[in-house]
Every structure is written in C-alpha cells, then in structure tokens.
C-alpha cells in the first residue's frame, strides 16, 4: 500500500514537472512567433527629465521644454507634445 502511494506521488510530481516544461517551451515559441510576425513599430521618443513645463495649446497636455516639439509663432516659441498637435495648430 505504501509503495502504491509513493508511486502515485512520484507520478504526480512527474506530470507537474512535464506540464511546467511544456508551458515554458510553448510560451517561448509564442513570444518568438509574435516578434517575427509583428512589424517593428516606431518607438516613441523617450522623454527627457527636467526642464520647465509648458502647456500644449492644442490638447492641453503639459510637456517638458526639453522634450517638446517647438515652433516659433509671431516671434513667440510655442511648445507642443507631438508633431500631430503642431500640425493641427498650423491648420487652426
């Protein structure tokens, strides 16, 4: 009876280990396939720490002067959070 219990416990440990190995390998394949099929997306520029905060006149987000997109309008330097906001400001 004791041998049967030990064998059952060993079998349970074996299946738990086998499941762990299979899920780890499957997760690795899944990540590898995702990285191959997904086109490389353009990375957003990393914002720099520091600098004064200015408000974007289009969307109202406060942006650091060190990382903002700048444009001079009527002799005044205006700060934007992105090129899209700068282009919208041009139209307006």
Protein backbone atom coordinates (compact mmCIF):
# COMPACT_ATOMS: atom_id res chain seq x y z
CA UNK A 1 0.00 0.00 0.00
CA UNK A 2 2.84 2.35 0.90
CA UNK A 3 4.64 1.63 -2.39
CA UNK A 4 1.49 2.45 -4.31
CA UNK A 5 1.19 5.80 -2.55
CA UNK A 6 4.85 6.66 -3.23
CA UNK A 7 4.48 5.73 -6.90
CA UNK A 8 1.35 7.85 -7.16
CA UNK A 9 3.13 10.85 -5.61
CA UNK A 10 6.11 10.40 -7.93
CA UNK A 11 3.79 10.21 -10.90
CA UNK A 12 2.08 13.41 -9.78
CA UNK A 13 5.43 15.20 -9.43
CA UNK A 14 6.49 13.93 -12.86
CA UNK A 15 3.32 15.24 -14.52
CA UNK A 16 3.63 18.60 -12.75
CA UNK A 17 7.21 18.92 -13.99
CA UNK A 18 6.21 17.87 -17.50
CA UNK A 19 3.43 20.47 -17.55
CA UNK A 20 5.88 23.16 -16.41
CA UNK A 21 8.34 22.27 -19.18
CA UNK A 22 5.65 22.21 -21.87
CA UNK A 23 4.17 25.58 -20.84
CA UNK A 24 7.62 27.17 -20.69
CA UNK A 25 8.52 25.93 -24.16
CA UNK A 26 5.12 26.96 -25.56
CA UNK A 27 5.47 30.45 -24.07
CA UNK A 28 8.91 30.78 -25.65
CA UNK A 29 7.62 29.75 -29.07
CA UNK A 30 4.67 32.09 -28.74
CA UNK A 31 6.90 35.07 -27.96
CA UNK A 32 9.25 34.16 -30.81
CA UNK A 33 6.38 33.93 -33.29
CA UNK A 34 4.91 37.24 -32.13
CA UNK A 35 8.23 39.02 -32.56
CA UNK A 36 8.62 37.62 -36.09
CA UNK A 37 5.11 38.42 -37.32
CA UNK A 38 4.71 41.84 -35.74
CA UNK A 39 6.23 44.61 -37.83
CA UNK A 40 8.59 46.78 -35.92
CA UNK A 41 6.61 49.69 -34.56
CA UNK A 42 8.22 53.09 -34.38
CA UNK A 43 9.30 53.81 -30.86
CA UNK A 44 8.09 56.98 -29.22
CA UNK A 45 10.96 59.26 -28.29
CA UNK A 46 11.98 58.89 -24.69
CA UNK A 47 11.03 61.95 -22.73
CA UNK A 48 13.85 63.72 -21.04
CA UNK A 49 13.66 64.51 -17.38
CA UNK A 50 13.97 68.10 -16.38
CA UNK A 51 13.14 71.40 -17.93
CA UNK A 52 10.23 73.71 -17.45
CA UNK A 53 6.70 72.50 -18.19
CA UNK A 54 4.69 74.26 -20.87
CA UNK A 55 1.09 73.57 -21.88
CA UNK A 56 0.36 72.36 -25.39
CA UNK A 57 -2.11 74.87 -26.90
CA UNK A 58 -3.90 72.16 -28.92
CA UNK A 59 -4.53 69.29 -26.49
CA UNK A 60 -3.67 70.95 -23.17
CA UNK A 61 -1.07 68.41 -22.05
CA UNK A 62 1.84 69.77 -20.07
CA UNK A 63 5.13 68.88 -21.74
CA UNK A 64 8.74 69.40 -20.74
CA UNK A 65 10.55 72.09 -22.69
CA UNK A 66 13.47 69.68 -23.10
CA UNK A 67 11.40 67.09 -24.98
CA UNK A 68 8.74 69.22 -26.67
CA UNK A 69 8.25 69.87 -30.36
CA UNK A 70 8.89 73.59 -30.81
CA UNK A 71 7.62 76.13 -33.28
CA UNK A 72 8.04 79.89 -33.39
CA UNK A 73 4.75 81.70 -33.98
CA UNK A 74 4.78 85.51 -34.29
CA UNK A 75 8.18 85.65 -32.59
CA UNK A 76 6.99 83.52 -29.65
CA UNK A 77 8.26 79.98 -29.03
CA UNK A 78 5.33 77.56 -28.68
CA UNK A 79 5.78 74.04 -27.26
CA UNK A 80 3.79 71.02 -28.50
CA UNK A 81 3.56 67.44 -27.20
CA UNK A 82 3.80 65.93 -30.69
CA UNK A 83 4.16 66.68 -34.37
CA UNK A 84 0.45 65.92 -34.84
CA UNK A 85 -0.51 68.68 -32.39
CA UNK A 86 1.91 71.05 -34.10
CA UNK A 87 0.30 70.28 -37.47
CA UNK A 88 -3.20 70.80 -36.04
CA UNK A 89 -2.06 74.18 -34.72
CA UNK A 90 -0.87 75.13 -38.20
CA UNK A 91 -4.35 74.46 -39.63
CA UNK A 92 -6.19 76.38 -36.92
